[in-house]
Amino acid sequence: MILLDTNLMGRMTDSADPQCATARRAVHMLLARRERLIIVPQNLYEFWAVATRKPGPPPAGQNGLGMTPDQASHWLRFFQRRFTLLHDREELLTRWHDLVQTLGIKGLRSYDARLVAAMQTYGITRLLTFNADDFKRFAITLIEPASA
């Protein structure tokens, strides 16, 4: 099983993104190898936030994709059909809190810790991400899309 990072999902949907083809190719290659690609509810929440935000870098934009709610909903349905959605388990909060407390995680990195905590609740050890540096402090195997 391999958890998909939300940044990969966003790039898959944005044909103008220079890493779109790499993201799509990585997913196709992994599926062809019969890998089970996983998403969790947090991926869907984060994707919605990015997809429906104003595009462009701050301060003018909000670094979003500028999708309408209908477009973002289309992609949410696509992700749920294409990948395995694993629901949050009861111990997620405890695992997340242990991670952020033990590793001294603050701010936005706490979202990354929550993805790792979700992985831990299911025994998932691999993460497909464009942001490997954000996850190096965790005891997981990072897969970069270009090398998938």
Protein backbone atom coordinates (compact mmCIF):
# COMPACT_ATOMS: atom_id res chain seq x y z
CA MET A 1 0.00 0.00 0.00
CA ILE A 2 1.17 3.51 -0.83
CA LEU A 3 -0.48 6.65 0.51
CA LEU A 4 -0.76 9.53 -1.95
CA ASP A 5 0.21 12.97 -0.72
CA THR A 6 -2.32 15.68 -1.52
CA ASN A 7 0.27 17.68 -3.50
CA LEU A 8 0.41 14.80 -5.99
CA MET A 9 -3.36 14.83 -6.39
CA GLY A 10 -3.39 18.57 -7.05
CA ARG A 11 -0.71 18.28 -9.71
CA MET A 12 -2.58 15.43 -11.41
CA THR A 13 -5.58 17.71 -11.96
CA ASP A 14 -3.70 20.74 -13.26
CA SER A 15 -2.57 20.21 -16.85
CA ALA A 16 -0.74 23.57 -16.71
CA ASP A 17 1.49 22.33 -13.88
CA PRO A 18 4.93 21.31 -15.16
CA GLN A 19 4.78 18.23 -12.91
CA CYS A 20 1.33 17.08 -14.05
CA ALA A 21 2.68 14.49 -16.50
CA THR A 22 5.13 13.18 -13.89
CA ALA A 23 2.33 12.80 -11.34
CA ARG A 24 0.04 11.01 -13.77
CA ARG A 25 2.84 8.77 -15.05
CA ALA A 26 3.80 7.76 -11.49
CA VAL A 27 0.21 6.80 -10.68
CA HIS A 28 -0.16 4.82 -13.92
CA MET A 29 3.14 3.00 -13.34
CA LEU A 30 2.26 2.07 -9.77
CA LEU A 31 -1.21 0.87 -10.73
CA ALA A 32 0.30 -1.16 -13.58
CA ARG A 33 2.52 -2.84 -10.96
CA ARG A 34 -0.66 -3.69 -9.03
CA GLU A 35 0.22 -1.39 -6.13
CA ARG A 36 -2.70 -0.40 -3.93
CA LEU A 37 -2.85 3.41 -3.94
CA ILE A 38 -4.47 4.83 -0.83
CA ILE A 39 -6.10 8.12 0.10
CA VAL A 40 -7.54 9.18 3.45
CA PRO A 41 -10.25 11.77 4.22
CA GLN A 42 -7.62 14.42 4.93
CA ASN A 43 -6.44 14.17 1.31
CA LEU A 44 -9.94 15.05 0.15
CA TYR A 45 -10.29 17.98 2.57
CA GLU A 46 -6.87 19.38 1.63
CA PHE A 47 -7.53 18.90 -2.08
CA TRP A 48 -10.82 20.79 -1.84
CA ALA A 49 -9.11 23.70 -0.09
CA VAL A 50 -6.37 23.94 -2.73
CA ALA A 51 -8.64 23.23 -5.70
CA THR A 52 -11.19 25.93 -4.83
CA ARG A 53 -8.69 28.62 -3.76
CA LYS A 54 -7.76 31.51 -5.98
CA PRO A 55 -4.79 30.67 -8.26
CA GLY A 56 -1.45 32.42 -8.23
CA PRO A 57 1.22 32.97 -5.62
CA PRO A 58 0.47 35.17 -2.60
CA PRO A 59 -0.19 38.02 -2.07
CA ALA A 60 -2.33 38.44 -5.21
CA GLY A 61 -3.50 34.82 -5.27
CA GLN A 62 -3.68 32.08 -2.70
CA ASN A 63 -1.66 29.40 -4.49
CA GLY A 64 -4.79 27.51 -5.49
CA LEU A 65 -6.17 25.88 -8.61
CA GLY A 66 -9.20 28.16 -9.02
CA MET A 67 -11.71 25.36 -9.61
CA THR A 68 -15.43 25.79 -9.19
CA PRO A 69 -17.09 23.60 -6.55
CA ASP A 70 -18.50 21.44 -9.37
CA GLN A 71 -15.03 20.91 -10.86
CA ALA A 72 -13.52 20.08 -7.47
CA SER A 73 -16.43 17.68 -6.78
CA HIS A 74 -15.73 15.93 -10.08
CA TRP A 75 -12.13 15.33 -9.00
CA LEU A 76 -13.16 14.15 -5.52
CA ARG A 77 -15.38 11.52 -7.13
CA PHE A 78 -12.57 10.56 -9.51
CA PHE A 79 -10.11 10.05 -6.64
CA GLN A 80 -12.60 7.94 -4.71
CA ARG A 81 -13.23 5.72 -7.75
CA ARG A 82 -9.56 5.39 -8.73
CA PHE A 83 -7.92 4.98 -5.32
CA THR A 84 -8.77 3.15 -2.11
CA LEU A 85 -10.23 5.49 0.52
CA LEU A 86 -9.40 4.37 4.05
CA HIS A 87 -11.45 6.07 6.74
CA ASP A 88 -9.95 7.58 9.87
CA ARG A 89 -9.49 5.13 12.69
CA GLU A 90 -10.23 5.86 16.32
CA GLU A 91 -6.54 5.93 17.33
CA LEU A 92 -5.64 8.59 14.72
CA LEU A 93 -5.84 11.52 17.16
CA THR A 94 -3.63 9.78 19.73
CA ARG A 95 -1.01 8.82 17.12
CA TRP A 96 -1.03 12.32 15.63
CA HIS A 97 -0.64 13.94 19.04
CA ASP A 98 2.23 11.60 19.91
CA LEU A 99 4.00 12.55 16.66
CA VAL A 100 3.61 16.31 17.00
CA GLN A 101 4.55 16.26 20.66
CA THR A 102 7.53 13.89 20.35
CA LEU A 103 8.95 15.57 17.24
CA GLY A 104 8.11 19.14 18.29
CA ILE A 105 6.06 19.76 15.17
CA LYS A 106 4.41 23.16 14.82
CA GLY A 107 2.25 25.00 12.32
CA LEU A 108 1.48 23.64 8.87
CA ARG A 109 3.77 20.61 9.34
CA SER A 110 1.11 19.26 11.71
CA TYR A 111 -0.95 18.37 8.62
CA ASP A 112 1.93 16.23 7.36
CA ALA A 113 2.09 14.55 10.77
CA ARG A 114 -1.62 13.76 10.51
CA LEU A 115 -1.08 11.97 7.19
CA VAL A 116 1.74 9.97 8.76
CA ALA A 117 -0.45 9.15 11.77
CA ALA A 118 -3.15 7.90 9.38
CA MET A 119 -0.51 5.75 7.68
CA GLN A 120 0.53 4.31 11.02
CA THR A 121 -3.03 3.33 11.94
CA TYR A 122 -3.16 1.13 8.82
CA GLY A 123 0.45 -0.07 8.78
CA ILE A 124 1.23 1.87 5.59
CA THR A 125 4.94 2.60 5.30
CA ARG A 126 5.24 4.28 1.88
CA LEU A 127 4.21 7.78 0.74
CA LEU A 128 4.19 9.09 -2.84
CA THR A 129 5.00 12.81 -2.65
CA PHE A 130 6.65 15.72 -4.43
CA ASN A 131 7.55 17.15 -1.00
CA ALA A 132 9.91 14.51 0.37
CA ASP A 133 11.76 17.07 2.50
CA ASP A 134 8.57 17.71 4.49
CA PHE A 135 8.42 14.07 5.59
CA LYS A 136 12.08 13.18 6.22
CA ARG A 137 11.69 13.34 10.00
CA PHE A 138 9.17 10.51 9.96
CA ALA A 139 9.98 6.80 9.89
CA ILE A 140 8.39 6.15 6.48
CA THR A 141 9.61 5.32 2.99
CA LEU A 142 9.32 8.27 0.60
CA ILE A 143 8.70 7.72 -3.07
CA GLU A 144 9.28 10.62 -5.42
CA PRO A 145 7.00 10.55 -8.51
CA ALA A 146 9.87 10.83 -10.98
CA SER A 147 11.34 7.59 -9.63
CA ALA A 148 8.10 5.62 -9.19
